[in-house]
Amino acid sequence: MLGNLQLADGEGIPIEQRDAAEVLEPDGHPIAAAGATAWNPAFDVTPASLISAIVTERGIFRGPGFDLRGALG
């Protein structure tokens, strides 16, 4: 999900947590030290203040005040 225009901010977006084995043992091959742990979110929420543009097949949308609805189509 690129954006939810009904939310005031990203606080209400649940972040899917993926299996730590995806980063600790890719393709079943351990690459981390024994006993290592990992936090593996499927995505994160980036504050709007850190986004300078969104690039889509519809074009490049730049801020401040760019049309997010236009970018999402």
N, C-alpha and C. Protein backbone atom coordinates (compact mmCIF):
# COMPACT_ATOMS: atom_id res chain seq x y z
N MET A 1 0.85 -1.17 0.00
CA MET A 1 0.00 0.00 0.00
C MET A 1 0.89 1.23 0.00
N LEU A 2 0.71 2.09 -0.97
CA LEU A 2 1.50 3.31 -1.06
C LEU A 2 0.99 4.38 -0.11
N GLY A 3 -0.28 4.50 0.05
CA GLY A 3 -0.80 5.54 0.92
C GLY A 3 -2.26 5.33 1.22
N ASN A 4 -2.70 5.82 2.38
CA ASN A 4 -4.10 5.77 2.77
C ASN A 4 -4.52 7.21 3.00
N LEU A 5 -5.29 7.75 2.08
CA LEU A 5 -5.65 9.16 2.14
C LEU A 5 -6.67 9.48 3.22
N GLN A 6 -7.22 8.46 3.89
CA GLN A 6 -8.18 8.70 4.96
C GLN A 6 -7.50 8.93 6.31
N LEU A 7 -6.22 8.62 6.42
CA LEU A 7 -5.51 8.75 7.70
C LEU A 7 -4.78 10.07 7.78
N ALA A 8 -4.78 10.66 8.96
CA ALA A 8 -4.06 11.92 9.18
C ALA A 8 -2.55 11.69 9.20
N ASP A 9 -2.13 10.51 9.68
CA ASP A 9 -0.71 10.17 9.73
C ASP A 9 -0.58 8.64 9.71
N GLY A 10 0.64 8.15 9.82
CA GLY A 10 0.88 6.72 9.72
C GLY A 10 0.72 5.93 10.99
N GLU A 11 0.34 6.58 12.08
CA GLU A 11 0.23 5.89 13.37
C GLU A 11 -0.76 4.73 13.36
N GLY A 12 -1.81 4.83 12.57
CA GLY A 12 -2.85 3.80 12.57
C GLY A 12 -2.63 2.67 11.58
N ILE A 13 -1.49 2.67 10.88
CA ILE A 13 -1.24 1.64 9.88
C ILE A 13 -0.55 0.44 10.53
N PRO A 14 -1.20 -0.73 10.51
CA PRO A 14 -0.54 -1.91 11.08
C PRO A 14 0.59 -2.37 10.16
N ILE A 15 1.74 -2.68 10.74
CA ILE A 15 2.90 -3.13 9.97
C ILE A 15 2.99 -4.65 10.07
N GLU A 16 2.88 -5.31 8.92
CA GLU A 16 2.99 -6.78 8.90
C GLU A 16 4.42 -7.17 9.27
N GLN A 17 4.54 -8.09 10.23
CA GLN A 17 5.85 -8.60 10.63
C GLN A 17 6.11 -9.92 9.93
N ARG A 18 7.18 -9.98 9.17
CA ARG A 18 7.54 -11.17 8.42
C ARG A 18 8.42 -12.08 9.27
N ASP A 19 8.55 -13.33 8.86
CA ASP A 19 9.36 -14.31 9.55
C ASP A 19 10.83 -13.88 9.54
N ALA A 20 11.47 -13.90 10.69
CA ALA A 20 12.87 -13.52 10.79
C ALA A 20 13.77 -14.41 9.93
N ALA A 21 13.36 -15.63 9.67
CA ALA A 21 14.16 -16.54 8.85
C ALA A 21 14.39 -16.00 7.45
N GLU A 22 13.52 -15.12 6.96
CA GLU A 22 13.70 -14.55 5.63
C GLU A 22 15.01 -13.78 5.51
N VAL A 23 15.48 -13.17 6.61
CA VAL A 23 16.74 -12.43 6.57
C VAL A 23 17.88 -13.18 7.25
N LEU A 24 17.57 -14.06 8.18
CA LEU A 24 18.61 -14.81 8.87
C LEU A 24 19.03 -16.07 8.12
N GLU A 25 18.08 -16.65 7.35
CA GLU A 25 18.34 -17.90 6.64
C GLU A 25 17.72 -17.86 5.24
N PRO A 26 18.17 -16.96 4.37
CA PRO A 26 17.57 -16.92 3.03
C PRO A 26 17.77 -18.24 2.28
N ASP A 27 16.72 -18.71 1.66
CA ASP A 27 16.74 -19.99 0.94
C ASP A 27 17.19 -21.14 1.83
N GLY A 28 16.97 -21.01 3.15
CA GLY A 28 17.32 -22.09 4.07
C GLY A 28 18.79 -22.15 4.43
N HIS A 29 19.57 -21.14 4.05
CA HIS A 29 21.01 -21.12 4.32
C HIS A 29 21.31 -20.09 5.42
N PRO A 30 21.69 -20.55 6.61
CA PRO A 30 21.99 -19.60 7.70
C PRO A 30 23.14 -18.66 7.32
N ILE A 31 22.92 -17.36 7.50
CA ILE A 31 23.97 -16.39 7.21
C ILE A 31 24.29 -15.51 8.41
N ALA A 32 23.56 -15.71 9.51
CA ALA A 32 23.77 -14.90 10.71
C ALA A 32 24.40 -15.77 11.79
N ALA A 33 24.97 -15.11 12.78
CA ALA A 33 25.56 -15.82 13.90
C ALA A 33 24.50 -16.63 14.65
N ALA A 34 24.89 -17.74 15.22
CA ALA A 34 23.97 -18.57 16.00
C ALA A 34 23.34 -17.72 17.09
N GLY A 35 22.04 -17.82 17.24
CA GLY A 35 21.33 -17.08 18.26
C GLY A 35 20.92 -15.67 17.86
N ALA A 36 21.30 -15.24 16.65
CA ALA A 36 20.94 -13.89 16.19
C ALA A 36 19.43 -13.79 16.03
N THR A 37 18.90 -12.60 16.23
CA THR A 37 17.49 -12.33 16.03
C THR A 37 17.35 -11.23 14.98
N ALA A 38 16.16 -11.10 14.44
CA ALA A 38 15.92 -10.06 13.43
C ALA A 38 14.51 -9.55 13.54
N TRP A 39 14.34 -8.28 13.27
CA TRP A 39 13.03 -7.65 13.13
C TRP A 39 12.85 -7.48 11.63
N ASN A 40 11.77 -8.02 11.08
CA ASN A 40 11.60 -8.07 9.63
C ASN A 40 10.23 -7.53 9.22
N PRO A 41 10.03 -6.21 9.28
CA PRO A 41 8.75 -5.66 8.85
C PRO A 41 8.60 -5.77 7.33
N ALA A 42 7.38 -5.99 6.86
CA ALA A 42 7.13 -6.09 5.42
C ALA A 42 7.30 -4.73 4.73
N PHE A 43 7.09 -3.64 5.46
CA PHE A 43 7.26 -2.28 4.94
C PHE A 43 7.38 -1.36 6.13
N ASP A 44 7.64 -0.10 5.88
CA ASP A 44 7.65 0.88 6.97
C ASP A 44 6.80 2.08 6.57
N VAL A 45 6.61 2.97 7.50
CA VAL A 45 5.85 4.19 7.25
C VAL A 45 6.86 5.34 7.23
N THR A 46 6.95 6.00 6.10
CA THR A 46 7.88 7.12 5.96
C THR A 46 7.14 8.43 6.21
N PRO A 47 7.63 9.25 7.13
CA PRO A 47 6.98 10.54 7.38
C PRO A 47 6.95 11.38 6.10
N ALA A 48 5.85 12.07 5.88
CA ALA A 48 5.69 12.90 4.68
C ALA A 48 6.80 13.91 4.53
N SER A 49 7.35 14.39 5.63
CA SER A 49 8.41 15.40 5.57
C SER A 49 9.68 14.87 4.92
N LEU A 50 9.81 13.54 4.82
CA LEU A 50 11.00 12.94 4.21
C LEU A 50 10.80 12.55 2.75
N ILE A 51 9.60 12.77 2.23
CA ILE A 51 9.30 12.40 0.84
C ILE A 51 9.39 13.64 -0.03
N SER A 52 10.29 13.61 -1.01
CA SER A 52 10.43 14.76 -1.91
C SER A 52 9.71 14.53 -3.23
N ALA A 53 9.44 13.26 -3.58
CA ALA A 53 8.72 12.96 -4.82
C ALA A 53 8.23 11.52 -4.78
N ILE A 54 7.20 11.26 -5.57
CA ILE A 54 6.73 9.89 -5.81
C ILE A 54 6.79 9.70 -7.32
N VAL A 55 7.45 8.63 -7.74
CA VAL A 55 7.62 8.35 -9.17
C VAL A 55 6.71 7.18 -9.53
N THR A 56 5.81 7.39 -10.48
CA THR A 56 4.89 6.34 -10.94
C THR A 56 4.85 6.35 -12.46
N GLU A 57 4.09 5.41 -13.02
CA GLU A 57 3.90 5.40 -14.47
C GLU A 57 3.11 6.62 -14.93
N ARG A 58 2.47 7.32 -14.01
CA ARG A 58 1.71 8.53 -14.35
C ARG A 58 2.59 9.78 -14.34
N GLY A 59 3.82 9.65 -13.88
CA GLY A 59 4.73 10.78 -13.86
C GLY A 59 5.44 10.92 -12.53
N ILE A 60 6.16 12.03 -12.39
CA ILE A 60 6.89 12.34 -11.16
C ILE A 60 6.10 13.41 -10.43
N PHE A 61 5.74 13.13 -9.20
CA PHE A 61 4.95 14.05 -8.37
C PHE A 61 5.86 14.58 -7.28
N ARG A 62 6.07 15.89 -7.27
CA ARG A 62 6.99 16.52 -6.33
C ARG A 62 6.25 17.42 -5.36
N GLY A 63 6.82 17.61 -4.18
CA GLY A 63 6.25 18.46 -3.16
C GLY A 63 6.93 19.82 -3.15
N PRO A 64 6.58 20.69 -2.23
CA PRO A 64 5.51 20.44 -1.25
C PRO A 64 4.13 20.58 -1.89
N GLY A 65 3.19 19.89 -1.31
CA GLY A 65 1.81 19.99 -1.76
C GLY A 65 1.50 19.30 -3.06
N PHE A 66 2.30 18.30 -3.45
CA PHE A 66 1.97 17.60 -4.69
C PHE A 66 0.68 16.83 -4.52
N ASP A 67 0.05 16.49 -5.64
CA ASP A 67 -1.25 15.83 -5.64
C ASP A 67 -1.09 14.33 -5.44
N LEU A 68 -1.16 13.86 -4.19
CA LEU A 68 -1.00 12.43 -3.91
C LEU A 68 -2.10 11.62 -4.58
N ARG A 69 -3.30 12.15 -4.64
CA ARG A 69 -4.40 11.44 -5.30
C ARG A 69 -4.06 11.21 -6.79
N GLY A 70 -3.45 12.17 -7.42
CA GLY A 70 -3.04 12.03 -8.81
C GLY A 70 -1.95 10.98 -8.96
N ALA A 71 -1.04 10.91 -8.00
CA ALA A 71 0.04 9.93 -8.06
C ALA A 71 -0.49 8.52 -7.87
N LEU A 72 -1.49 8.38 -7.02
CA LEU A 72 -2.04 7.05 -6.74
C LEU A 72 -3.07 6.61 -7.77
N GLY A 73 -3.58 7.56 -8.51
CA GLY A 73 -4.50 7.27 -9.60
C GLY A 73 -5.86 6.89 -9.19
